[in-house]
Amino acid sequence: MGASSDPTQDGSDEQQKRSEIYTYEAPWHIYAMNWSVRRDKKYRLAIASLLEQHPNKVEIVQLDDSNGEIRSDPSLSFEHPYPPTKTIFIPDKECQKPDLLATSSDFLRVWRISDQDSGVELKSLLNGNKNSEFCGPLTSFDWNEAEPKRIGTSSIDTTCTIWDIEREAVDTQLIAHDKEVYDIAWGGVGVFASVSADGSVRVFDLRDKEHSTIIYESSEPDTPLVRLGWNKQDPRYMATIIMDSAKVVVLDIRFPTLPVVELQRHQASVNAIAWAPHSSCHICTAGDDSQALIWDLSSMGQPVEGGLDPILAYTAGAEIEQLQWSSSQPDWVAIAFSSKLQILRV
């Protein structure tokens, strides 16, 4: 699938690379989407619907690289109450653990994919609010790569909950913010960060649950922060999205409160961010201007006249709502817009 690189080809190599875009059209609007991590399941993704009526749907799809088609498998498609806000496959590259997929909506659910891909069954339904008949919907979650039995969820009820999915029990639940928590990201075995409608990025260490560190607060009071990405290759850096804003704020946790750089080349609201899984200085952003932009942040911290420009840009057919960078295939990025899933070679 890789394009050969022969400098004498007068750009035809570039042409070949440009054609490395694969598209799948779902029967519904796609919202949640993510890559599989396992080495033996290359080019496999989960996508989920955004439908007002019950039930919603989750599909597991796979690119057949012999013919370039992304196919869904009816036996790996299942119903889901409410639209999932996020979906993540277990971070298990070496295939040592059961093949699991988690989703968040009213509750955190963990699904098991059978060994022969013959079906998907609900393994666990995890409810952190046993005392209440109402649950604060989960806005997001993150699966801890260093400790895969740990999942952290964020909720509109201002809490973050850390689950031990092997025991199917809550490890820790804490009031993380003054308002709704919109996203959560792990930065190590026992460290996570969250963003909120209160406009702050806060970092928590599970060894000291009483305290958190405010890394950033939006310049206008109570301007919600809606997404958070923590750089896995260099955990000093994280990025956040301000609600209804066309800019992405990149932070250095050693220097709280001041952004190290602001990415300001989108023409409309940014919806998604993804750090490169294999490089400490690259990040992809996508938004309502239908653009996915890749940035090289290696000059971060040095003033750039007029601001930083992206090194790559791709224009999709509609507003991009979802973006994920494959950790097992780092030269592939997936985007979702309207009812289409596209995977792009970068």
C-alpha atoms as a PDB file:
ATOM      1  CA  MET A   1       0.000   0.000   0.000  1.00  0.00           C
ATOM      2  CA  GLY A   2       2.924   2.319   0.531  1.00  0.00           C
ATOM      3  CA  ALA A   3       3.773   4.518  -2.418  1.00  0.00           C
ATOM      4  CA  SER A   4       7.244   3.982  -3.840  1.00  0.00           C
ATOM      5  CA  SER A   5       9.455   7.025  -3.646  1.00  0.00           C
ATOM      6  CA  ASP A   6      11.403   7.745  -6.794  1.00  0.00           C
ATOM      7  CA  PRO A   7      12.390  11.410  -7.162  1.00  0.00           C
ATOM      8  CA  THR A   8      12.451  11.064 -10.953  1.00  0.00           C
ATOM      9  CA  GLN A   9       8.722  10.464 -11.118  1.00  0.00           C
ATOM     10  CA  ASP A  10       7.791  14.138 -11.359  1.00  0.00           C
ATOM     11  CA  GLY A  11       5.255  14.169  -8.589  1.00  0.00           C
ATOM     12  CA  SER A  12       3.445  11.002  -9.654  1.00  0.00           C
ATOM     13  CA  ASP A  13       4.605   9.509  -6.369  1.00  0.00           C
ATOM     14  CA  GLU A  14       2.752  12.383  -4.700  1.00  0.00           C
ATOM     15  CA  GLN A  15      -0.288  11.555  -6.826  1.00  0.00           C
ATOM     16  CA  GLN A  16      -0.179   7.942  -5.724  1.00  0.00           C
ATOM     17  CA  LYS A  17       0.038   8.949  -2.077  1.00  0.00           C
ATOM     18  CA  ARG A  18      -2.834  11.348  -2.471  1.00  0.00           C
ATOM     19  CA  SER A  19      -5.078   8.524  -3.629  1.00  0.00           C
ATOM     20  CA  GLU A  20      -4.494   6.700  -0.359  1.00  0.00           C
ATOM     21  CA  ILE A  21      -7.809   7.737   1.086  1.00  0.00           C
ATOM     22  CA  TYR A  22     -10.393   5.094   1.901  1.00  0.00           C
ATOM     23  CA  THR A  23     -14.019   5.943   2.566  1.00  0.00           C
ATOM     24  CA  TYR A  24     -16.843   4.071   4.264  1.00  0.00           C
ATOM     25  CA  GLU A  25     -20.412   5.335   4.261  1.00  0.00           C
ATOM     26  CA  ALA A  26     -22.451   4.339   7.307  1.00  0.00           C
ATOM     27  CA  PRO A  27     -26.259   4.145   7.244  1.00  0.00           C
ATOM     28  CA  TRP A  28     -26.355   6.923   9.874  1.00  0.00           C
ATOM     29  CA  HIS A  29     -24.518   9.991  11.123  1.00  0.00           C
ATOM     30  CA  ILE A  30     -21.198   8.979  12.747  1.00  0.00           C
ATOM     31  CA  TYR A  31     -20.106  10.532  16.020  1.00  0.00           C
ATOM     32  CA  ALA A  32     -17.845   8.284  18.127  1.00  0.00           C
ATOM     33  CA  MET A  33     -15.029   6.513  16.282  1.00  0.00           C
ATOM     34  CA  ASN A  34     -11.696   4.907  17.122  1.00  0.00           C
ATOM     35  CA  TRP A  35      -8.926   2.622  15.898  1.00  0.00           C
ATOM     36  CA  SER A  36      -8.206  -0.860  17.138  1.00  0.00           C
ATOM     37  CA  VAL A  37      -4.776  -1.167  18.783  1.00  0.00           C
ATOM     38  CA  ARG A  38      -4.064  -4.892  18.365  1.00  0.00           C
ATOM     39  CA  ARG A  39      -1.272  -5.889  15.976  1.00  0.00           C
ATOM     40  CA  ASP A  40      -3.411  -8.654  14.477  1.00  0.00           C
ATOM     41  CA  LYS A  41      -6.299  -6.299  13.633  1.00  0.00           C
ATOM     42  CA  LYS A  42      -4.740  -3.670  11.407  1.00  0.00           C
ATOM     43  CA  TYR A  43      -7.109  -1.184   9.805  1.00  0.00           C
ATOM     44  CA  ARG A  44      -9.971  -2.097  12.157  1.00  0.00           C
ATOM     45  CA  LEU A  45     -12.140   0.676  13.609  1.00  0.00           C
ATOM     46  CA  ALA A  46     -15.294   1.086  15.658  1.00  0.00           C
ATOM     47  CA  ILE A  47     -17.867   3.698  14.656  1.00  0.00           C
ATOM     48  CA  ALA A  48     -21.054   4.692  16.461  1.00  0.00           C
ATOM     49  CA  SER A  49     -24.220   6.505  15.476  1.00  0.00           C
ATOM     50  CA  LEU A  50     -25.676   9.820  16.547  1.00  0.00           C
ATOM     51  CA  LEU A  51     -29.427   9.217  16.378  1.00  0.00           C
ATOM     52  CA  GLU A  52     -32.130  10.950  18.381  1.00  0.00           C
ATOM     53  CA  GLN A  53     -34.248   7.842  18.635  1.00  0.00           C
ATOM     54  CA  HIS A  54     -33.446   4.639  20.543  1.00  0.00           C
ATOM     55  CA  PRO A  55     -31.522   2.534  19.928  1.00  0.00           C
ATOM     56  CA  ASN A  56     -28.242   3.716  18.481  1.00  0.00           C
ATOM     57  CA  LYS A  57     -25.735   1.491  16.681  1.00  0.00           C
ATOM     58  CA  VAL A  58     -22.065   0.535  16.927  1.00  0.00           C
ATOM     59  CA  GLU A  59     -20.278  -1.070  13.976  1.00  0.00           C
ATOM     60  CA  ILE A  60     -16.826  -2.588  13.780  1.00  0.00           C
ATOM     61  CA  VAL A  61     -15.407  -2.075  10.301  1.00  0.00           C
ATOM     62  CA  GLN A  62     -12.177  -3.149   8.648  1.00  0.00           C
ATOM     63  CA  LEU A  63     -10.211  -2.076   5.587  1.00  0.00           C
ATOM     64  CA  ASP A  64      -9.460  -4.925   3.214  1.00  0.00           C
ATOM     65  CA  ASP A  65      -6.178  -3.650   1.819  1.00  0.00           C
ATOM     66  CA  SER A  66      -6.257  -6.107  -1.071  1.00  0.00           C
ATOM     67  CA  ASN A  67      -9.148  -4.238  -2.711  1.00  0.00           C
ATOM     68  CA  GLY A  68      -9.254  -0.957  -0.782  1.00  0.00           C
ATOM     69  CA  GLU A  69     -12.758  -1.478   0.611  1.00  0.00           C
ATOM     70  CA  ILE A  70     -13.785  -0.725   4.179  1.00  0.00           C
ATOM     71  CA  ARG A  71     -16.354  -3.334   5.132  1.00  0.00           C
ATOM     72  CA  SER A  72     -18.690  -3.763   8.062  1.00  0.00           C
ATOM     73  CA  ASP A  73     -19.372  -7.212   9.475  1.00  0.00           C
ATOM     74  CA  PRO A  74     -23.047  -7.647  10.447  1.00  0.00           C
ATOM     75  CA  SER A  75     -22.066 -10.010  13.282  1.00  0.00           C
ATOM     76  CA  LEU A  76     -19.912  -7.220  14.770  1.00  0.00           C
ATOM     77  CA  SER A  77     -22.669  -4.606  14.642  1.00  0.00           C
ATOM     78  CA  PHE A  78     -24.762  -4.098  17.773  1.00  0.00           C
ATOM     79  CA  GLU A  79     -27.392  -1.837  19.273  1.00  0.00           C
ATOM     80  CA  HIS A  80     -26.523   0.741  21.916  1.00  0.00           C
ATOM     81  CA  PRO A  81     -28.859   2.808  24.120  1.00  0.00           C
ATOM     82  CA  TYR A  82     -28.172   6.507  23.518  1.00  0.00           C
ATOM     83  CA  PRO A  83     -25.426   7.746  21.184  1.00  0.00           C
ATOM     84  CA  PRO A  84     -21.971   6.795  22.505  1.00  0.00           C
ATOM     85  CA  THR A  85     -19.937   9.896  23.355  1.00  0.00           C
ATOM     86  CA  LYS A  86     -16.717   7.935  22.866  1.00  0.00           C
ATOM     87  CA  THR A  87     -15.507   4.469  21.970  1.00  0.00           C
ATOM     88  CA  ILE A  88     -12.052   2.957  22.630  1.00  0.00           C
ATOM     89  CA  PHE A  89     -10.542  -0.478  21.992  1.00  0.00           C
ATOM     90  CA  ILE A  90      -8.438  -1.963  24.785  1.00  0.00           C
ATOM     91  CA  PRO A  91      -4.844  -0.624  24.536  1.00  0.00           C
ATOM     92  CA  ASP A  92      -3.326  -4.077  24.067  1.00  0.00           C
ATOM     93  CA  LYS A  93      -0.941  -4.090  21.099  1.00  0.00           C
ATOM     94  CA  GLU A  94       0.474  -7.531  21.842  1.00  0.00           C
ATOM     95  CA  CYS A  95      -2.932  -9.273  21.979  1.00  0.00           C
ATOM     96  CA  GLN A  96      -2.358 -10.572  25.526  1.00  0.00           C
ATOM     97  CA  LYS A  97      -5.851  -9.733  26.779  1.00  0.00           C
ATOM     98  CA  PRO A  98      -9.432 -10.367  25.651  1.00  0.00           C
ATOM     99  CA  ASP A  99     -10.488  -8.275  22.652  1.00  0.00           C
ATOM    100  CA  LEU A 100     -12.498  -5.533  24.374  1.00  0.00           C
ATOM    101  CA  LEU A 101     -14.231  -2.352  23.260  1.00  0.00           C
ATOM    102  CA  ALA A 102     -15.578   0.271  25.676  1.00  0.00           C
ATOM    103  CA  THR A 103     -18.292   2.879  25.078  1.00  0.00           C
ATOM    104  CA  SER A 104     -19.609   5.775  27.151  1.00  0.00           C
ATOM    105  CA  SER A 105     -23.119   7.239  27.197  1.00  0.00           C
ATOM    106  CA  ASP A 106     -25.507   6.896  30.149  1.00  0.00           C
ATOM    107  CA  PHE A 107     -23.057   4.372  31.638  1.00  0.00           C
ATOM    108  CA  LEU A 108     -19.633   2.962  30.822  1.00  0.00           C
ATOM    109  CA  ARG A 109     -20.030  -0.316  28.959  1.00  0.00           C
ATOM    110  CA  VAL A 110     -17.323  -2.837  28.139  1.00  0.00           C
ATOM    111  CA  TRP A 111     -17.998  -5.189  25.221  1.00  0.00           C
ATOM    112  CA  ARG A 112     -16.174  -8.397  24.377  1.00  0.00           C
ATOM    113  CA  ILE A 113     -15.503  -9.334  20.756  1.00  0.00           C
ATOM    114  CA  SER A 114     -15.464 -13.116  20.349  1.00  0.00           C
ATOM    115  CA  ASP A 115     -12.236 -14.868  19.358  1.00  0.00           C
ATOM    116  CA  GLN A 116     -13.450 -15.741  15.873  1.00  0.00           C
ATOM    117  CA  ASP A 117     -15.076 -12.330  15.361  1.00  0.00           C
ATOM    118  CA  SER A 118     -18.416 -14.145  15.439  1.00  0.00           C
ATOM    119  CA  GLY A 119     -20.146 -11.608  17.652  1.00  0.00           C
ATOM    120  CA  VAL A 120     -19.994  -8.944  20.359  1.00  0.00           C
ATOM    121  CA  GLU A 121     -21.411  -9.371  23.859  1.00  0.00           C
ATOM    122  CA  LEU A 122     -21.817  -6.947  26.743  1.00  0.00           C
ATOM    123  CA  LYS A 123     -19.215  -7.869  29.374  1.00  0.00           C
ATOM    124  CA  SER A 124     -19.797  -5.103  31.947  1.00  0.00           C
ATOM    125  CA  LEU A 125     -22.197  -2.243  32.546  1.00  0.00           C
ATOM    126  CA  LEU A 126     -20.497   0.090  35.021  1.00  0.00           C
ATOM    127  CA  ASN A 127     -22.667   2.551  36.915  1.00  0.00           C
ATOM    128  CA  GLY A 128     -20.890   4.977  39.228  1.00  0.00           C
ATOM    129  CA  ASN A 129     -24.141   6.408  40.644  1.00  0.00           C
ATOM    130  CA  LYS A 130     -25.729   3.417  42.343  1.00  0.00           C
ATOM    131  CA  ASN A 131     -27.514   5.664  44.858  1.00  0.00           C
ATOM    132  CA  SER A 132     -29.382   7.652  42.252  1.00  0.00           C
ATOM    133  CA  GLU A 133     -31.986   6.534  39.761  1.00  0.00           C
ATOM    134  CA  PHE A 134     -30.720   9.270  37.449  1.00  0.00           C
ATOM    135  CA  CYS A 135     -27.229   9.155  36.051  1.00  0.00           C
ATOM    136  CA  GLY A 136     -25.190  12.136  34.953  1.00  0.00           C
ATOM    137  CA  PRO A 137     -24.393  11.218  31.350  1.00  0.00           C
ATOM    138  CA  LEU A 138     -20.754  10.446  30.619  1.00  0.00           C
ATOM    139  CA  THR A 139     -19.184  12.988  28.304  1.00  0.00           C
ATOM    140  CA  SER A 140     -15.984  11.047  27.640  1.00  0.00           C
ATOM    141  CA  PHE A 141     -13.516   8.496  28.981  1.00  0.00           C
ATOM    142  CA  ASP A 142      -9.921   7.366  28.525  1.00  0.00           C
ATOM    143  CA  TRP A 143      -8.364   3.921  28.821  1.00  0.00           C
ATOM    144  CA  ASN A 144      -5.055   3.827  30.697  1.00  0.00           C
ATOM    145  CA  GLU A 145      -2.381   2.431  28.360  1.00  0.00           C
ATOM    146  CA  ALA A 146       0.110   1.791  31.172  1.00  0.00           C
ATOM    147  CA  GLU A 147      -2.491   0.030  33.346  1.00  0.00           C
ATOM    148  CA  PRO A 148      -5.196  -1.367  31.031  1.00  0.00           C
ATOM    149  CA  LYS A 149      -7.494  -2.429  33.868  1.00  0.00           C
ATOM    150  CA  ARG A 150      -8.060   1.285  34.539  1.00  0.00           C
ATOM    151  CA  ILE A 151     -10.598   3.469  32.748  1.00  0.00           C
ATOM    152  CA  GLY A 152     -11.347   7.058  33.748  1.00  0.00           C
ATOM    153  CA  THR A 153     -14.720   8.636  32.898  1.00  0.00           C
ATOM    154  CA  SER A 154     -15.894  12.256  32.926  1.00  0.00           C
ATOM    155  CA  SER A 155     -19.476  13.290  33.632  1.00  0.00           C
ATOM    156  CA  ILE A 156     -21.783  16.279  33.487  1.00  0.00           C
ATOM    157  CA  ASP A 157     -22.295  15.795  37.247  1.00  0.00           C
ATOM    158  CA  THR A 158     -18.818  17.429  37.788  1.00  0.00           C
ATOM    159  CA  THR A 159     -17.129  14.133  38.699  1.00  0.00           C
ATOM    160  CA  CYS A 160     -14.410  11.953  37.263  1.00  0.00           C
ATOM    161  CA  THR A 161     -14.576   8.253  38.097  1.00  0.00           C
ATOM    162  CA  ILE A 162     -11.661   5.813  37.905  1.00  0.00           C
ATOM    163  CA  TRP A 163     -12.817   2.236  37.297  1.00  0.00           C
ATOM    164  CA  ASP A 164     -11.047  -1.062  37.796  1.00  0.00           C
ATOM    165  CA  ILE A 165     -12.703  -2.935  34.959  1.00  0.00           C
ATOM    166  CA  GLU A 166     -11.328  -6.309  36.085  1.00  0.00           C
ATOM    167  CA  ARG A 167     -13.043  -5.986  39.474  1.00  0.00           C
ATOM    168  CA  GLU A 168     -15.915  -4.037  37.866  1.00  0.00           C
ATOM    169  CA  ALA A 169     -15.604  -1.599  40.757  1.00  0.00           C
ATOM    170  CA  VAL A 170     -14.943   2.094  41.317  1.00  0.00           C
ATOM    171  CA  ASP A 171     -11.347   2.792  42.379  1.00  0.00           C
ATOM    172  CA  THR A 172     -11.870   6.494  42.927  1.00  0.00           C
ATOM    173  CA  GLN A 173     -14.602   9.032  42.317  1.00  0.00           C
ATOM    174  CA  LEU A 174     -13.853  12.681  42.817  1.00  0.00           C
ATOM    175  CA  ILE A 175     -15.488  16.019  42.231  1.00  0.00           C
ATOM    176  CA  ALA A 176     -13.111  17.321  39.615  1.00  0.00           C
ATOM    177  CA  HIS A 177     -14.572  20.698  38.647  1.00  0.00           C
ATOM    178  CA  ASP A 178     -17.176  23.308  39.520  1.00  0.00           C
ATOM    179  CA  LYS A 179     -19.222  22.517  36.409  1.00  0.00           C
ATOM    180  CA  GLU A 180     -19.689  19.740  33.859  1.00  0.00           C
ATOM    181  CA  VAL A 181     -16.533  17.785  32.995  1.00  0.00           C
ATOM    182  CA  TYR A 182     -16.272  17.399  29.216  1.00  0.00           C
ATOM    183  CA  ASP A 183     -13.117  15.329  28.699  1.00  0.00           C
ATOM    184  CA  ILE A 184     -10.484  13.295  30.519  1.00  0.00           C
ATOM    185  CA  ALA A 185      -7.029  12.041  29.491  1.00  0.00           C
ATOM    186  CA  TRP A 186      -4.425   9.879  31.182  1.00  0.00           C
ATOM    187  CA  GLY A 187      -0.841  11.120  31.445  1.00  0.00           C
ATOM    188  CA  GLY A 188       0.602   8.040  33.148  1.00  0.00           C
ATOM    189  CA  VAL A 189      -0.340   5.167  35.451  1.00  0.00           C
ATOM    190  CA  GLY A 190      -1.826   7.339  38.193  1.00  0.00           C
ATOM    191  CA  VAL A 191      -2.071  10.805  36.677  1.00  0.00           C
ATOM    192  CA  PHE A 192      -4.961  12.189  34.650  1.00  0.00           C
ATOM    193  CA  ALA A 193      -6.249  15.564  33.533  1.00  0.00           C
ATOM    194  CA  SER A 194      -9.711  16.889  32.782  1.00  0.00           C
ATOM    195  CA  VAL A 195     -11.388  19.894  31.165  1.00  0.00           C
ATOM    196  CA  SER A 196     -14.686  21.462  32.064  1.00  0.00           C
ATOM    197  CA  ALA A 197     -17.415  23.995  31.445  1.00  0.00           C
ATOM    198  CA  ASP A 198     -15.725  25.973  34.234  1.00  0.00           C
ATOM    199  CA  GLY A 199     -12.951  26.790  31.738  1.00  0.00           C
ATOM    200  CA  SER A 200     -10.085  25.015  33.503  1.00  0.00           C
ATOM    201  CA  VAL A 201      -7.617  22.217  32.776  1.00  0.00           C
ATOM    202  CA  ARG A 202      -6.848  20.331  35.985  1.00  0.00           C
ATOM    203  CA  VAL A 203      -4.306  17.592  36.669  1.00  0.00           C
ATOM    204  CA  PHE A 204      -4.930  14.926  39.330  1.00  0.00           C
ATOM    205  CA  ASP A 205      -2.545  12.445  40.933  1.00  0.00           C
ATOM    206  CA  LEU A 206      -4.256   9.385  42.399  1.00  0.00           C
ATOM    207  CA  ARG A 207      -1.670   9.315  45.214  1.00  0.00           C
ATOM    208  CA  ASP A 208      -3.032  12.648  46.466  1.00  0.00           C
ATOM    209  CA  LYS A 209      -6.733  12.765  45.686  1.00  0.00           C
ATOM    210  CA  GLU A 210      -7.474  15.845  47.786  1.00  0.00           C
ATOM    211  CA  HIS A 211      -5.566  18.195  45.510  1.00  0.00           C
ATOM    212  CA  SER A 212      -5.445  19.083  41.849  1.00  0.00           C
ATOM    213  CA  THR A 213      -3.241  21.438  39.859  1.00  0.00           C
ATOM    214  CA  ILE A 214      -4.866  24.011  37.595  1.00  0.00           C
ATOM    215  CA  ILE A 215      -2.741  24.075  34.444  1.00  0.00           C
ATOM    216  CA  TYR A 216      -4.806  26.575  32.475  1.00  0.00           C
ATOM    217  CA  GLU A 217      -7.945  28.672  32.727  1.00  0.00           C
ATOM    218  CA  SER A 218      -9.642  30.177  29.693  1.00  0.00           C
ATOM    219  CA  SER A 219      -9.020  33.897  29.432  1.00  0.00           C
ATOM    220  CA  GLU A 220     -12.723  34.728  29.448  1.00  0.00           C
ATOM    221  CA  PRO A 221     -14.396  33.445  32.620  1.00  0.00           C
ATOM    222  CA  ASP A 222     -16.582  30.373  32.271  1.00  0.00           C
ATOM    223  CA  THR A 223     -15.666  29.744  28.654  1.00  0.00           C
ATOM    224  CA  PRO A 224     -15.961  25.944  28.477  1.00  0.00           C
ATOM    225  CA  LEU A 225     -13.052  23.747  27.433  1.00  0.00           C
ATOM    226  CA  VAL A 226     -14.457  20.751  25.591  1.00  0.00           C
ATOM    227  CA  ARG A 227     -11.585  18.481  24.516  1.00  0.00           C
ATOM    228  CA  LEU A 228      -8.217  17.511  25.936  1.00  0.00           C
ATOM    229  CA  GLY A 229      -5.300  15.674  24.347  1.00  0.00           C
ATOM    230  CA  TRP A 230      -2.231  14.641  26.351  1.00  0.00           C
ATOM    231  CA  ASN A 231       0.969  14.097  24.372  1.00  0.00           C
ATOM    232  CA  LYS A 232       1.915  10.446  24.978  1.00  0.00           C
ATOM    233  CA  GLN A 233       5.417  10.897  23.550  1.00  0.00           C
ATOM    234  CA  ASP A 234       6.198  13.967  25.656  1.00  0.00           C
ATOM    235  CA  PRO A 235       3.838  14.231  28.650  1.00  0.00           C
ATOM    236  CA  ARG A 236       4.949  17.792  29.360  1.00  0.00           C
ATOM    237  CA  TYR A 237       2.536  18.911  26.645  1.00  0.00           C
ATOM    238  CA  MET A 238      -1.223  18.824  26.314  1.00  0.00           C
ATOM    239  CA  ALA A 239      -3.705  20.553  24.027  1.00  0.00           C
ATOM    240  CA  THR A 240      -7.246  21.733  24.617  1.00  0.00           C
ATOM    241  CA  ILE A 241     -10.170  23.049  22.583  1.00  0.00           C
ATOM    242  CA  ILE A 242     -12.271  26.022  23.663  1.00  0.00           C
ATOM    243  CA  MET A 243     -16.005  25.669  22.953  1.00  0.00           C
ATOM    244  CA  ASP A 244     -17.044  27.287  19.644  1.00  0.00           C
ATOM    245  CA  SER A 245     -13.483  28.502  19.033  1.00  0.00           C
ATOM    246  CA  ALA A 246     -11.340  28.122  15.926  1.00  0.00           C
ATOM    247  CA  LYS A 247      -8.119  27.906  17.923  1.00  0.00           C
ATOM    248  CA  VAL A 248      -6.330  25.105  19.739  1.00  0.00           C
ATOM    249  CA  VAL A 249      -4.376  25.931  22.887  1.00  0.00           C
ATOM    250  CA  VAL A 250      -1.157  23.963  23.505  1.00  0.00           C
ATOM    251  CA  LEU A 251       0.077  23.888  27.104  1.00  0.00           C
ATOM    252  CA  ASP A 252       3.337  22.991  28.820  1.00  0.00           C
ATOM    253  CA  ILE A 253       2.463  21.664  32.273  1.00  0.00           C
ATOM    254  CA  ARG A 254       5.755  23.008  33.666  1.00  0.00           C
ATOM    255  CA  PHE A 255       4.530  26.541  32.964  1.00  0.00           C
ATOM    256  CA  PRO A 256       0.876  26.663  34.033  1.00  0.00           C
ATOM    257  CA  THR A 257      -1.575  29.360  32.903  1.00  0.00           C
ATOM    258  CA  LEU A 258       0.272  30.481  29.737  1.00  0.00           C
ATOM    259  CA  PRO A 259      -0.236  28.646  26.439  1.00  0.00           C
ATOM    260  CA  VAL A 260       3.046  27.664  24.825  1.00  0.00           C
ATOM    261  CA  VAL A 261       1.453  28.113  21.392  1.00  0.00           C
ATOM    262  CA  GLU A 262      -2.016  28.737  19.939  1.00  0.00           C
ATOM    263  CA  LEU A 263      -2.921  27.085  16.634  1.00  0.00           C
ATOM    264  CA  GLN A 264      -5.085  29.548  14.735  1.00  0.00           C
ATOM    265  CA  ARG A 265      -5.488  28.442  11.114  1.00  0.00           C
ATOM    266  CA  HIS A 266      -8.941  26.861  11.290  1.00  0.00           C
ATOM    267  CA  GLN A 267     -11.747  28.974   9.817  1.00  0.00           C
ATOM    268  CA  ALA A 268     -14.478  27.604  12.112  1.00  0.00           C
ATOM    269  CA  SER A 269     -14.861  25.783  15.423  1.00  0.00           C
ATOM    270  CA  VAL A 270     -12.377  23.007  16.156  1.00  0.00           C
ATOM    271  CA  ASN A 271     -13.982  19.711  17.195  1.00  0.00           C
ATOM    272  CA  ALA A 272     -11.154  17.230  17.630  1.00  0.00           C
ATOM    273  CA  ILE A 273      -7.444  16.953  18.362  1.00  0.00           C
ATOM    274  CA  ALA A 274      -5.047  14.008  18.214  1.00  0.00           C
ATOM    275  CA  TRP A 275      -1.362  13.967  19.097  1.00  0.00           C
ATOM    276  CA  ALA A 276       0.838  11.814  16.886  1.00  0.00           C
ATOM    277  CA  PRO A 277       1.317   8.449  18.603  1.00  0.00           C
ATOM    278  CA  HIS A 278       4.894   8.137  17.316  1.00  0.00           C
ATOM    279  CA  SER A 279       6.253  11.692  17.364  1.00  0.00           C
ATOM    280  CA  SER A 280       6.451  14.158  20.228  1.00  0.00           C
ATOM    281  CA  CYS A 281       6.016  17.274  18.095  1.00  0.00           C
ATOM    282  CA  HIS A 282       3.123  16.551  15.714  1.00  0.00           C
ATOM    283  CA  ILE A 283      -0.576  17.094  16.326  1.00  0.00           C
ATOM    284  CA  CYS A 284      -3.653  16.865  14.103  1.00  0.00           C
ATOM    285  CA  THR A 285      -6.699  19.111  14.511  1.00  0.00           C
ATOM    286  CA  ALA A 286     -10.075  19.051  12.744  1.00  0.00           C
ATOM    287  CA  GLY A 287     -13.201  21.140  12.737  1.00  0.00           C
ATOM    288  CA  ASP A 288     -16.303  22.699  11.249  1.00  0.00           C
ATOM    289  CA  ASP A 289     -14.291  24.214   8.379  1.00  0.00           C
ATOM    290  CA  SER A 290     -14.108  20.607   7.024  1.00  0.00           C
ATOM    291  CA  GLN A 291     -10.337  20.698   7.442  1.00  0.00           C
ATOM    292  CA  ALA A 292      -7.931  18.291   9.102  1.00  0.00           C
ATOM    293  CA  LEU A 293      -4.600  20.030   9.721  1.00  0.00           C
ATOM    294  CA  ILE A 294      -1.308  18.508  10.847  1.00  0.00           C
ATOM    295  CA  TRP A 295       1.113  20.749  12.706  1.00  0.00           C
ATOM    296  CA  ASP A 296       4.822  20.445  13.462  1.00  0.00           C
ATOM    297  CA  LEU A 297       5.373  21.919  16.916  1.00  0.00           C
ATOM    298  CA  SER A 298       9.139  21.397  17.028  1.00  0.00           C
ATOM    299  CA  SER A 299       9.612  25.180  16.995  1.00  0.00           C
ATOM    300  CA  MET A 300       7.214  25.519  19.935  1.00  0.00           C
ATOM    301  CA  GLY A 301       8.184  28.277  22.311  1.00  0.00           C
ATOM    302  CA  GLN A 302      10.011  30.294  19.661  1.00  0.00           C
ATOM    303  CA  PRO A 303       8.006  33.238  18.371  1.00  0.00           C
ATOM    304  CA  VAL A 304       6.768  32.690  14.812  1.00  0.00           C
ATOM    305  CA  GLU A 305       5.733  35.842  13.005  1.00  0.00           C
ATOM    306  CA  GLY A 306       2.047  35.688  12.149  1.00  0.00           C
ATOM    307  CA  GLY A 307       1.654  32.405  14.017  1.00  0.00           C
ATOM    308  CA  LEU A 308       2.360  28.804  13.123  1.00  0.00           C
ATOM    309  CA  ASP A 309       1.140  27.286   9.843  1.00  0.00           C
ATOM    310  CA  PRO A 310       0.158  23.620   9.442  1.00  0.00           C
ATOM    311  CA  ILE A 311       2.456  21.365   7.407  1.00  0.00           C
ATOM    312  CA  LEU A 312      -0.397  19.324   5.902  1.00  0.00           C
ATOM    313  CA  ALA A 313      -4.039  20.081   5.200  1.00  0.00           C
ATOM    314  CA  TYR A 314      -6.889  17.871   4.036  1.00  0.00           C
ATOM    315  CA  THR A 315     -10.368  19.108   3.174  1.00  0.00           C
ATOM    316  CA  ALA A 316     -13.257  16.714   3.775  1.00  0.00           C
ATOM    317  CA  GLY A 317     -16.768  16.808   2.336  1.00  0.00           C
ATOM    318  CA  ALA A 318     -18.391  18.269   5.466  1.00  0.00           C
ATOM    319  CA  GLU A 319     -17.673  19.426   9.009  1.00  0.00           C
ATOM    320  CA  ILE A 320     -15.257  16.970  10.661  1.00  0.00           C
ATOM    321  CA  GLU A 321     -16.598  15.896  14.034  1.00  0.00           C
ATOM    322  CA  GLN A 322     -14.173  13.142  14.929  1.00  0.00           C
ATOM    323  CA  LEU A 323     -10.491  12.456  14.424  1.00  0.00           C
ATOM    324  CA  GLN A 324      -8.253   9.614  15.621  1.00  0.00           C
ATOM    325  CA  TRP A 325      -4.600   8.837  14.858  1.00  0.00           C
ATOM    326  CA  SER A 326      -3.768   5.123  14.741  1.00  0.00           C
ATOM    327  CA  SER A 327      -1.221   4.099  17.377  1.00  0.00           C
ATOM    328  CA  SER A 328      -0.497   0.755  15.723  1.00  0.00           C
ATOM    329  CA  GLN A 329      -0.332   2.250  12.192  1.00  0.00           C
ATOM    330  CA  PRO A 330       1.001   5.760  12.812  1.00  0.00           C
ATOM    331  CA  ASP A 331       0.932   6.761   9.146  1.00  0.00           C
ATOM    332  CA  TRP A 332      -2.891   6.590   9.176  1.00  0.00           C
ATOM    333  CA  VAL A 333      -5.391   9.098  10.524  1.00  0.00           C
ATOM    334  CA  ALA A 334      -9.159   8.518  10.582  1.00  0.00           C
ATOM    335  CA  ILE A 335     -11.767  11.263  10.360  1.00  0.00           C
ATOM    336  CA  ALA A 336     -15.561  11.170  10.531  1.00  0.00           C
ATOM    337  CA  PHE A 337     -17.897  13.687   8.918  1.00  0.00           C
ATOM    338  CA  SER A 338     -21.625  13.314   8.387  1.00  0.00           C
ATOM    339  CA  SER A 339     -22.167   9.598   7.636  1.00  0.00           C
ATOM    340  CA  LYS A 340     -18.661   9.040   6.249  1.00  0.00           C
ATOM    341  CA  LEU A 341     -15.574   7.501   7.804  1.00  0.00           C
ATOM    342  CA  GLN A 342     -12.334   8.229   5.962  1.00  0.00           C
ATOM    343  CA  ILE A 343      -8.882   6.906   6.651  1.00  0.00           C
ATOM    344  CA  LEU A 344      -6.046   9.007   5.272  1.00  0.00           C
ATOM    345  CA  ARG A 345      -2.402   8.181   4.848  1.00  0.00           C
ATOM    346  CA  VAL A 346      -0.252  10.948   6.291  1.00  0.00           C
END
